[in-house]
Amino acid sequence: MSSGAIIVTGGGGGIGRAIAKRLHADGHTVVIADRDRAVAESAAAAIGCEFELIDIGNEASVISGVKAVAARHGGLFGVVNNAGIHMQALVVETAVEDWDRIFSVNTRGTFLMSREAARIMAAQRSGQIVNIITKLGFGNPFSSAYLSSKNAIWGLTQCLAIEMASSGVRVNAIAPGHVGPGTGMEKAFRAKAEKLGKSWDDFEADVVATIPLHRWCTPEDVAGGVSWLMGPDTSFVTGELINITGGFQAYASTPSADSVRAAAERGPTK
C-alpha cells in the first residue's frame, strides 16, 4: 500500500507489536524499531515484517537507524513513536535521576525520532508521524514524570504539525486509555495498586468503574486508531489528539495523607 516504510518504535511487544501487526495487515511495509535484538527479531518474524536496531535514547543510533530504513525502502511513509517507559512515584519521593531517565526516553527519544523522520519527509514532501502519548488534562497519582513527559510530546506534536504542514507531512497523537493486563503496562498498574494499598482485584474494579465503556483499552484498540491515521481518509487531519479511552475522564483514587507524609519524610531514593 505505502511508498516507503513505516517505523514503529517499541514494536517488539504490547501496544507497539499490535500496531506493527495491524499496519502490516493493512498492506504497509513495516519496520519494528527496538534496542533489544531478540525481542525485535522475534516480533518481526511472527508478524512477517522487518526490524531495525534503534535505541531511541541514543542520538547516533536514531540518526543511523532512520537513514538505513529510508535508504532500504526508498523513503518513509510514516513513523509511529510508541516506545516509552514508566515509573510509579510521588513527586516528593522522585529522584532527579529518575525524572531525567523518563524524559530521556519518552520525550527526548520521540523528539529525536521525529526530527530525523521530518528531515527525510521534508525532502520527499510527504509522510506521517503518529506519537503515542496518554490521556491528558487530569492528574494521575504516582505518575508525574510520565504524564509530564507525555504532555511535552503533545506540545512537540502541535509545533511539528504546523512546521511540516507546507511540506505535506501530517503529525498527530493518539492517547490510549488504560492498557494494562497482558501488556508491559500491567507492571506499572500493579505497582500503583500496591502503593494505593489495594488488591489487584479491587484496583482493577475501580479502574473499570471509571471507564464508561467498562473495560480496559487493548493494544488492538490503539492499533486501530493508528491504522486510521495512516489510511486514506485522514489527508485533512494534522495536529490532532485522538483519545482512545472508552470515555475515561479522571481517576477516583488518591493516596492517603499518611502515605504522602511518610514518602515526604523519606524523600527521593537513589
C-alpha atoms as a PDB file:
ATOM      1  CA  MET A   1       0.000   0.000   0.000  1.00  0.00           C
ATOM      2  CA  SER A   2       2.580   2.542   1.119  1.00  0.00           C
ATOM      3  CA  SER A   3       5.508   4.106  -0.681  1.00  0.00           C
ATOM      4  CA  GLY A   4       8.318   3.812   1.812  1.00  0.00           C
ATOM      5  CA  ALA A   5       8.322   2.130   5.193  1.00  0.00           C
ATOM      6  CA  ILE A   6       6.586   2.785   8.480  1.00  0.00           C
ATOM      7  CA  ILE A   7       8.865   2.594  11.517  1.00  0.00           C
ATOM      8  CA  VAL A   8       7.205   1.535  14.775  1.00  0.00           C
ATOM      9  CA  THR A   9       9.371   2.158  17.836  1.00  0.00           C
ATOM     10  CA  GLY A  10       8.975  -0.229  20.729  1.00  0.00           C
ATOM     11  CA  GLY A  11       7.341  -2.621  18.291  1.00  0.00           C
ATOM     12  CA  GLY A  12       8.613  -5.747  19.987  1.00  0.00           C
ATOM     13  CA  GLY A  13       5.680  -6.117  22.353  1.00  0.00           C
ATOM     14  CA  GLY A  14       2.463  -4.731  23.797  1.00  0.00           C
ATOM     15  CA  ILE A  15       0.951  -1.748  22.018  1.00  0.00           C
ATOM     16  CA  GLY A  16       3.848  -1.434  19.576  1.00  0.00           C
ATOM     17  CA  ARG A  17       3.594  -5.012  18.422  1.00  0.00           C
ATOM     18  CA  ALA A  18      -0.171  -4.684  17.909  1.00  0.00           C
ATOM     19  CA  ILE A  19       0.409  -1.521  15.853  1.00  0.00           C
ATOM     20  CA  ALA A  20       3.060  -3.196  13.725  1.00  0.00           C
ATOM     21  CA  LYS A  21       0.827  -6.218  13.161  1.00  0.00           C
ATOM     22  CA  ARG A  22      -2.165  -4.091  12.151  1.00  0.00           C
ATOM     23  CA  LEU A  23      -0.187  -1.867   9.778  1.00  0.00           C
ATOM     24  CA  HIS A  24       1.383  -4.934   8.172  1.00  0.00           C
ATOM     25  CA  ALA A  25      -2.091  -6.434   7.712  1.00  0.00           C
ATOM     26  CA  ASP A  26      -3.169  -3.142   6.121  1.00  0.00           C
ATOM     27  CA  GLY A  27      -0.526  -3.676   3.448  1.00  0.00           C
ATOM     28  CA  HIS A  28       2.147  -1.280   4.664  1.00  0.00           C
ATOM     29  CA  THR A  29       5.857  -2.018   4.731  1.00  0.00           C
ATOM     30  CA  VAL A  30       6.562  -2.121   8.459  1.00  0.00           C
ATOM     31  CA  VAL A  31       9.889  -1.970  10.273  1.00  0.00           C
ATOM     32  CA  ILE A  32       9.948  -2.661  14.002  1.00  0.00           C
ATOM     33  CA  ALA A  33      12.481  -0.492  15.815  1.00  0.00           C
ATOM     34  CA  ASP A  34      13.779  -1.700  19.153  1.00  0.00           C
ATOM     35  CA  ARG A  35      17.058  -1.756  21.044  1.00  0.00           C
ATOM     36  CA  ASP A  36      16.589  -5.408  22.048  1.00  0.00           C
ATOM     37  CA  ARG A  37      17.597  -7.603  19.110  1.00  0.00           C
ATOM     38  CA  ALA A  38      15.988 -10.780  20.402  1.00  0.00           C
ATOM     39  CA  VAL A  39      12.648  -9.078  21.085  1.00  0.00           C
ATOM     40  CA  ALA A  40      12.627  -7.212  17.762  1.00  0.00           C
ATOM     41  CA  GLU A  41      13.685 -10.249  15.747  1.00  0.00           C
ATOM     42  CA  SER A  42      11.034 -12.465  17.359  1.00  0.00           C
ATOM     43  CA  ALA A  43       8.225  -9.961  16.803  1.00  0.00           C
ATOM     44  CA  ALA A  44       9.271  -9.270  13.219  1.00  0.00           C
ATOM     45  CA  ALA A  45       9.386 -12.989  12.431  1.00  0.00           C
ATOM     46  CA  ALA A  46       5.932 -13.539  13.929  1.00  0.00           C
ATOM     47  CA  ILE A  47       4.401 -10.634  12.003  1.00  0.00           C
ATOM     48  CA  GLY A  48       6.337 -11.110   8.776  1.00  0.00           C
ATOM     49  CA  CYS A  49       7.990  -7.698   8.731  1.00  0.00           C
ATOM     50  CA  GLU A  50      11.483  -6.280   9.183  1.00  0.00           C
ATOM     51  CA  PHE A  51      13.276  -4.913  12.227  1.00  0.00           C
ATOM     52  CA  GLU A  52      15.962  -2.309  12.798  1.00  0.00           C
ATOM     53  CA  LEU A  53      18.018  -1.974  15.961  1.00  0.00           C
ATOM     54  CA  ILE A  54      17.433   1.571  17.203  1.00  0.00           C
ATOM     55  CA  ASP A  55      17.993   2.882  20.711  1.00  0.00           C
ATOM     56  CA  ILE A  56      15.821   5.993  20.807  1.00  0.00           C
ATOM     57  CA  GLY A  57      17.793   7.283  23.788  1.00  0.00           C
ATOM     58  CA  ASN A  58      20.940   7.441  21.658  1.00  0.00           C
ATOM     59  CA  GLU A  59      21.130  10.190  19.036  1.00  0.00           C
ATOM     60  CA  ALA A  60      23.647   8.410  16.826  1.00  0.00           C
ATOM     61  CA  SER A  61      21.548   5.240  16.847  1.00  0.00           C
ATOM     62  CA  VAL A  62      18.437   7.165  15.833  1.00  0.00           C
ATOM     63  CA  ILE A  63      20.180   9.033  13.010  1.00  0.00           C
ATOM     64  CA  SER A  64      21.796   5.929  11.513  1.00  0.00           C
ATOM     65  CA  GLY A  65      18.747   3.714  12.015  1.00  0.00           C
ATOM     66  CA  VAL A  66      16.204   6.044  10.434  1.00  0.00           C
ATOM     67  CA  LYS A  67      18.533   6.724   7.497  1.00  0.00           C
ATOM     68  CA  ALA A  68      19.094   2.987   6.973  1.00  0.00           C
ATOM     69  CA  VAL A  69      15.365   2.205   6.863  1.00  0.00           C
ATOM     70  CA  ALA A  70      14.654   5.078   4.457  1.00  0.00           C
ATOM     71  CA  ALA A  71      17.524   4.012   2.196  1.00  0.00           C
ATOM     72  CA  ARG A  72      16.329   0.404   2.034  1.00  0.00           C
ATOM     73  CA  HIS A  73      12.746   1.293   1.225  1.00  0.00           C
ATOM     74  CA  GLY A  74      13.011   4.429  -0.867  1.00  0.00           C
ATOM     75  CA  GLY A  75      11.783   6.759   1.858  1.00  0.00           C
ATOM     76  CA  LEU A  76       9.492   6.868   4.872  1.00  0.00           C
ATOM     77  CA  PHE A  77       5.738   6.582   4.683  1.00  0.00           C
ATOM     78  CA  GLY A  78       5.449   7.122   8.398  1.00  0.00           C
ATOM     79  CA  VAL A  79       6.821   6.825  11.903  1.00  0.00           C
ATOM     80  CA  VAL A  80       4.926   5.700  14.986  1.00  0.00           C
ATOM     81  CA  ASN A  81       6.644   6.890  18.158  1.00  0.00           C
ATOM     82  CA  ASN A  82       5.392   4.309  20.618  1.00  0.00           C
ATOM     83  CA  ALA A  83       8.426   3.377  22.742  1.00  0.00           C
ATOM     84  CA  GLY A  84       8.330   4.656  26.297  1.00  0.00           C
ATOM     85  CA  ILE A  85       8.936   3.844  29.945  1.00  0.00           C
ATOM     86  CA  HIS A  86       7.025   4.445  33.172  1.00  0.00           C
ATOM     87  CA  MET A  87       7.667   4.675  36.901  1.00  0.00           C
ATOM     88  CA  GLN A  88       5.378   4.932  39.917  1.00  0.00           C
ATOM     89  CA  ALA A  89       6.427   7.550  42.478  1.00  0.00           C
ATOM     90  CA  LEU A  90       5.013  10.536  44.298  1.00  0.00           C
ATOM     91  CA  VAL A  91       6.621  13.863  43.450  1.00  0.00           C
ATOM     92  CA  VAL A  92       8.087  14.087  46.963  1.00  0.00           C
ATOM     93  CA  GLU A  93       9.972  10.803  46.511  1.00  0.00           C
ATOM     94  CA  THR A  94      11.068  11.204  42.880  1.00  0.00           C
ATOM     95  CA  ALA A  95      14.824  11.396  42.359  1.00  0.00           C
ATOM     96  CA  VAL A  96      16.028  13.779  39.665  1.00  0.00           C
ATOM     97  CA  GLU A  97      17.856  10.867  38.021  1.00  0.00           C
ATOM     98  CA  ASP A  98      14.557   9.002  37.600  1.00  0.00           C
ATOM     99  CA  TRP A  99      12.832  12.126  36.281  1.00  0.00           C
ATOM    100  CA  ASP A 100      15.612  12.609  33.721  1.00  0.00           C
ATOM    101  CA  ARG A 101      15.503   8.930  32.722  1.00  0.00           C
ATOM    102  CA  ILE A 102      11.785   9.117  31.905  1.00  0.00           C
ATOM    103  CA  PHE A 103      12.258  12.276  29.865  1.00  0.00           C
ATOM    104  CA  SER A 104      15.344  10.921  28.113  1.00  0.00           C
ATOM    105  CA  VAL A 105      13.404   8.003  26.652  1.00  0.00           C
ATOM    106  CA  ASN A 106       9.864   9.294  26.324  1.00  0.00           C
ATOM    107  CA  THR A 107      10.374  12.926  25.338  1.00  0.00           C
ATOM    108  CA  ARG A 108      13.911  13.170  24.024  1.00  0.00           C
ATOM    109  CA  GLY A 109      13.612   9.853  22.202  1.00  0.00           C
ATOM    110  CA  THR A 110      10.381  10.919  20.497  1.00  0.00           C
ATOM    111  CA  PHE A 111      11.969  14.254  19.598  1.00  0.00           C
ATOM    112  CA  LEU A 112      14.990  12.541  18.020  1.00  0.00           C
ATOM    113  CA  MET A 113      12.870  10.111  16.004  1.00  0.00           C
ATOM    114  CA  SER A 114      10.535  12.899  14.891  1.00  0.00           C
ATOM    115  CA  ARG A 115      13.389  15.191  13.928  1.00  0.00           C
ATOM    116  CA  GLU A 116      15.176  12.613  11.805  1.00  0.00           C
ATOM    117  CA  ALA A 117      11.955  11.417  10.194  1.00  0.00           C
ATOM    118  CA  ALA A 118      10.918  15.001   9.462  1.00  0.00           C
ATOM    119  CA  ARG A 119      14.246  15.696   7.744  1.00  0.00           C
ATOM    120  CA  ILE A 120      13.602  12.854   5.317  1.00  0.00           C
ATOM    121  CA  MET A 121       9.913  13.652   4.906  1.00  0.00           C
ATOM    122  CA  ALA A 122      10.651  17.310   4.145  1.00  0.00           C
ATOM    123  CA  ALA A 123      12.762  16.233   1.183  1.00  0.00           C
ATOM    124  CA  GLN A 124      10.187  13.758  -0.110  1.00  0.00           C
ATOM    125  CA  ARG A 125       7.322  16.201   0.670  1.00  0.00           C
ATOM    126  CA  SER A 126       5.149  13.536   2.266  1.00  0.00           C
ATOM    127  CA  GLY A 127       4.868  11.420   5.374  1.00  0.00           C
ATOM    128  CA  GLN A 128       3.055  10.915   8.636  1.00  0.00           C
ATOM    129  CA  ILE A 129       4.188  10.908  12.236  1.00  0.00           C
ATOM    130  CA  VAL A 130       1.995   9.471  14.973  1.00  0.00           C
ATOM    131  CA  ASN A 131       3.006   9.924  18.601  1.00  0.00           C
ATOM    132  CA  ILE A 132       1.556   7.605  21.236  1.00  0.00           C
ATOM    133  CA  ILE A 133       1.050   9.644  24.390  1.00  0.00           C
ATOM    134  CA  THR A 134      -1.598   9.247  27.125  1.00  0.00           C
ATOM    135  CA  LYS A 135      -4.846  10.796  28.296  1.00  0.00           C
ATOM    136  CA  LEU A 136      -4.099  14.424  29.194  1.00  0.00           C
ATOM    137  CA  GLY A 137      -5.903  17.101  31.169  1.00  0.00           C
ATOM    138  CA  PHE A 138      -6.132  15.376  34.551  1.00  0.00           C
ATOM    139  CA  GLY A 139      -3.930  14.406  37.485  1.00  0.00           C
ATOM    140  CA  ASN A 140      -2.679  10.865  37.943  1.00  0.00           C
ATOM    141  CA  PRO A 141      -1.133   9.920  41.311  1.00  0.00           C
ATOM    142  CA  PHE A 142       2.390   8.470  41.199  1.00  0.00           C
ATOM    143  CA  SER A 143       2.750   9.391  37.504  1.00  0.00           C
ATOM    144  CA  SER A 144       4.100  12.949  37.482  1.00  0.00           C
ATOM    145  CA  ALA A 145       7.241  12.152  35.481  1.00  0.00           C
ATOM    146  CA  TYR A 146       5.380  10.011  32.949  1.00  0.00           C
ATOM    147  CA  LEU A 147       2.482  12.425  32.476  1.00  0.00           C
ATOM    148  CA  SER A 148       4.841  15.401  32.230  1.00  0.00           C
ATOM    149  CA  SER A 149       6.904  13.648  29.565  1.00  0.00           C
ATOM    150  CA  LYS A 150       3.777  12.835  27.557  1.00  0.00           C
ATOM    151  CA  ASN A 151       2.454  16.396  27.868  1.00  0.00           C
ATOM    152  CA  ALA A 152       5.766  17.559  26.422  1.00  0.00           C
ATOM    153  CA  ILE A 153       5.328  15.192  23.472  1.00  0.00           C
ATOM    154  CA  TRP A 154       1.894  16.673  22.836  1.00  0.00           C
ATOM    155  CA  GLY A 155       3.492  20.128  22.658  1.00  0.00           C
ATOM    156  CA  LEU A 156       6.069  18.769  20.217  1.00  0.00           C
ATOM    157  CA  THR A 157       3.281  17.218  18.135  1.00  0.00           C
ATOM    158  CA  GLN A 158       1.419  20.507  17.813  1.00  0.00           C
ATOM    159  CA  CYS A 159       4.507  22.506  16.884  1.00  0.00           C
ATOM    160  CA  LEU A 160       5.811  19.949  14.385  1.00  0.00           C
ATOM    161  CA  ALA A 161       2.383  19.682  12.733  1.00  0.00           C
ATOM    162  CA  ILE A 162       2.478  23.403  11.956  1.00  0.00           C
ATOM    163  CA  GLU A 163       6.102  23.384  10.855  1.00  0.00           C
ATOM    164  CA  MET A 164       5.669  20.437   8.467  1.00  0.00           C
ATOM    165  CA  ALA A 165       2.222  21.207   7.035  1.00  0.00           C
ATOM    166  CA  SER A 166       3.519  23.034   3.947  1.00  0.00           C
ATOM    167  CA  SER A 167       5.755  20.032   3.220  1.00  0.00           C
ATOM    168  CA  GLY A 168       2.787  17.670   3.043  1.00  0.00           C
ATOM    169  CA  VAL A 169       3.688  15.966   6.312  1.00  0.00           C
ATOM    170  CA  ARG A 170       0.999  15.303   8.917  1.00  0.00           C
ATOM    171  CA  VAL A 171       1.724  14.915  12.619  1.00  0.00           C
ATOM    172  CA  ASN A 172      -0.824  13.634  15.129  1.00  0.00           C
ATOM    173  CA  ALA A 173      -1.007  11.986  18.532  1.00  0.00           C
ATOM    174  CA  ILE A 174      -3.031   9.154  19.997  1.00  0.00           C
ATOM    175  CA  ALA A 175      -3.884   8.978  23.687  1.00  0.00           C
ATOM    176  CA  PRO A 176      -4.648   5.418  24.771  1.00  0.00           C
ATOM    177  CA  GLY A 177      -6.760   4.725  27.795  1.00  0.00           C
ATOM    178  CA  HIS A 178      -5.873   2.163  30.445  1.00  0.00           C
ATOM    179  CA  VAL A 179      -3.895  -0.513  28.614  1.00  0.00           C
ATOM    180  CA  GLY A 180      -2.991  -2.942  31.383  1.00  0.00           C
ATOM    181  CA  PRO A 181      -3.476  -6.708  31.610  1.00  0.00           C
ATOM    182  CA  GLY A 182      -1.213  -8.726  29.354  1.00  0.00           C
ATOM    183  CA  THR A 183       0.998  -5.771  28.367  1.00  0.00           C
ATOM    184  CA  GLY A 184       4.109  -4.071  29.688  1.00  0.00           C
ATOM    185  CA  MET A 185       1.891  -1.528  31.448  1.00  0.00           C
ATOM    186  CA  GLU A 186       0.397  -4.175  33.761  1.00  0.00           C
ATOM    187  CA  LYS A 187       3.505  -3.995  35.929  1.00  0.00           C
ATOM    188  CA  ALA A 188       3.046  -0.234  36.349  1.00  0.00           C
ATOM    189  CA  PHE A 189      -0.624  -0.618  37.243  1.00  0.00           C
ATOM    190  CA  ARG A 190       0.148  -3.349  39.775  1.00  0.00           C
ATOM    191  CA  ALA A 191       2.746  -1.077  41.338  1.00  0.00           C
ATOM    192  CA  LYS A 192       0.133   1.694  41.569  1.00  0.00           C
ATOM    193  CA  ALA A 193      -2.339  -0.680  43.202  1.00  0.00           C
ATOM    194  CA  GLU A 194       0.271  -1.639  45.791  1.00  0.00           C
ATOM    195  CA  LYS A 195       1.093   2.000  46.532  1.00  0.00           C
ATOM    196  CA  LEU A 196      -2.608   2.731  46.990  1.00  0.00           C
ATOM    197  CA  GLY A 197      -2.881  -0.205  49.384  1.00  0.00           C
ATOM    198  CA  LYS A 198      -5.358  -2.074  47.190  1.00  0.00           C
ATOM    199  CA  SER A 199      -5.550  -5.635  45.988  1.00  0.00           C
ATOM    200  CA  TRP A 200      -5.254  -6.106  42.253  1.00  0.00           C
ATOM    201  CA  ASP A 201      -8.901  -7.194  42.004  1.00  0.00           C
ATOM    202  CA  ASP A 202     -10.121  -4.112  43.874  1.00  0.00           C
ATOM    203  CA  PHE A 203      -7.860  -1.794  41.897  1.00  0.00           C
ATOM    204  CA  GLU A 204      -8.962  -3.305  38.583  1.00  0.00           C
ATOM    205  CA  ALA A 205     -12.613  -2.958  39.563  1.00  0.00           C
ATOM    206  CA  ASP A 206     -12.047   0.702  40.465  1.00  0.00           C
ATOM    207  CA  VAL A 207     -10.303   1.381  37.159  1.00  0.00           C
ATOM    208  CA  VAL A 208     -13.012  -0.229  35.058  1.00  0.00           C
ATOM    209  CA  ALA A 209     -15.661   1.676  37.028  1.00  0.00           C
ATOM    210  CA  THR A 210     -14.122   4.977  35.814  1.00  0.00           C
ATOM    211  CA  ILE A 211     -14.410   3.904  32.160  1.00  0.00           C
ATOM    212  CA  PRO A 212     -17.901   4.425  30.695  1.00  0.00           C
ATOM    213  CA  LEU A 213     -17.409   1.504  28.288  1.00  0.00           C
ATOM    214  CA  HIS A 214     -16.486  -0.668  31.315  1.00  0.00           C
ATOM    215  CA  ARG A 215     -13.396  -2.439  30.052  1.00  0.00           C
ATOM    216  CA  TRP A 216      -9.652  -1.981  29.682  1.00  0.00           C
ATOM    217  CA  CYS A 217      -8.274  -0.480  26.499  1.00  0.00           C
ATOM    218  CA  THR A 218      -6.459  -3.101  24.408  1.00  0.00           C
ATOM    219  CA  PRO A 219      -3.360  -2.764  22.224  1.00  0.00           C
ATOM    220  CA  GLU A 220      -5.612  -3.574  19.279  1.00  0.00           C
ATOM    221  CA  ASP A 221      -7.831  -0.580  20.102  1.00  0.00           C
ATOM    222  CA  VAL A 222      -4.790   1.680  19.828  1.00  0.00           C
ATOM    223  CA  ALA A 223      -3.604  -0.060  16.664  1.00  0.00           C
ATOM    224  CA  GLY A 224      -6.968   0.653  15.065  1.00  0.00           C
ATOM    225  CA  GLY A 225      -6.502   4.367  15.671  1.00  0.00           C
ATOM    226  CA  VAL A 226      -3.019   4.317  14.146  1.00  0.00           C
ATOM    227  CA  SER A 227      -4.350   2.378  11.164  1.00  0.00           C
ATOM    228  CA  TRP A 228      -6.962   5.074  10.585  1.00  0.00           C
ATOM    229  CA  LEU A 229      -4.406   7.894  10.768  1.00  0.00           C
ATOM    230  CA  MET A 230      -2.119   6.057   8.330  1.00  0.00           C
ATOM    231  CA  GLY A 231      -5.037   5.331   5.997  1.00  0.00           C
ATOM    232  CA  PRO A 232      -6.501   7.193   3.016  1.00  0.00           C
ATOM    233  CA  ASP A 233      -9.253   9.074   4.862  1.00  0.00           C
ATOM    234  CA  THR A 234      -7.132  11.401   7.001  1.00  0.00           C
ATOM    235  CA  SER A 235      -5.464  13.714   4.489  1.00  0.00           C
ATOM    236  CA  PHE A 236      -7.013  16.718   6.288  1.00  0.00           C
ATOM    237  CA  VAL A 237      -6.066  15.606   9.810  1.00  0.00           C
ATOM    238  CA  THR A 238      -2.961  17.091  11.437  1.00  0.00           C
ATOM    239  CA  GLY A 239      -2.044  18.498  14.824  1.00  0.00           C
ATOM    240  CA  GLU A 240      -4.820  16.455  16.415  1.00  0.00           C
ATOM    241  CA  LEU A 241      -5.033  14.354  19.563  1.00  0.00           C
ATOM    242  CA  ILE A 242      -7.153  11.224  19.179  1.00  0.00           C
ATOM    243  CA  ASN A 243      -8.378   9.869  22.513  1.00  0.00           C
ATOM    244  CA  ILE A 244      -8.962   6.107  22.617  1.00  0.00           C
ATOM    245  CA  THR A 245     -10.018   5.874  26.241  1.00  0.00           C
ATOM    246  CA  GLY A 246     -13.501   4.387  26.411  1.00  0.00           C
ATOM    247  CA  GLY A 247     -14.737   7.744  27.688  1.00  0.00           C
ATOM    248  CA  PHE A 248     -12.408   7.855  30.716  1.00  0.00           C
ATOM    249  CA  GLN A 249     -12.089  11.303  32.321  1.00  0.00           C
ATOM    250  CA  ALA A 250     -10.249  11.000  35.652  1.00  0.00           C
ATOM    251  CA  TYR A 251      -9.175   8.710  38.473  1.00  0.00           C
ATOM    252  CA  ALA A 252     -11.289   8.247  41.583  1.00  0.00           C
ATOM    253  CA  SER A 253      -8.399   7.084  43.806  1.00  0.00           C
ATOM    254  CA  THR A 254      -5.921   9.264  45.686  1.00  0.00           C
ATOM    255  CA  PRO A 255      -3.073   8.318  48.040  1.00  0.00           C
ATOM    256  CA  SER A 256      -3.789   8.712  51.739  1.00  0.00           C
ATOM    257  CA  ALA A 257      -2.384  11.667  53.672  1.00  0.00           C
ATOM    258  CA  ASP A 258      -0.387   9.280  55.870  1.00  0.00           C
ATOM    259  CA  SER A 259       1.299   7.621  52.883  1.00  0.00           C
ATOM    260  CA  VAL A 260       2.189  11.016  51.371  1.00  0.00           C
ATOM    261  CA  ARG A 261       3.664  12.243  54.677  1.00  0.00           C
ATOM    262  CA  ALA A 262       5.706   9.060  55.009  1.00  0.00           C
ATOM    263  CA  ALA A 263       7.042   9.409  51.466  1.00  0.00           C
ATOM    264  CA  ALA A 264       7.817  13.089  52.038  1.00  0.00           C
ATOM    265  CA  GLU A 265       9.840  12.207  55.138  1.00  0.00           C
ATOM    266  CA  ARG A 266      11.801   9.536  53.237  1.00  0.00           C
ATOM    267  CA  GLY A 267      12.399  11.795  50.255  1.00  0.00           C
ATOM    268  CA  PRO A 268      13.947  10.699  46.951  1.00  0.00           C
ATOM    269  CA  THR A 269      15.715   7.347  46.798  1.00  0.00           C
ATOM    270  CA  LYS A 270      18.694   6.839  44.525  1.00  0.00           C
END
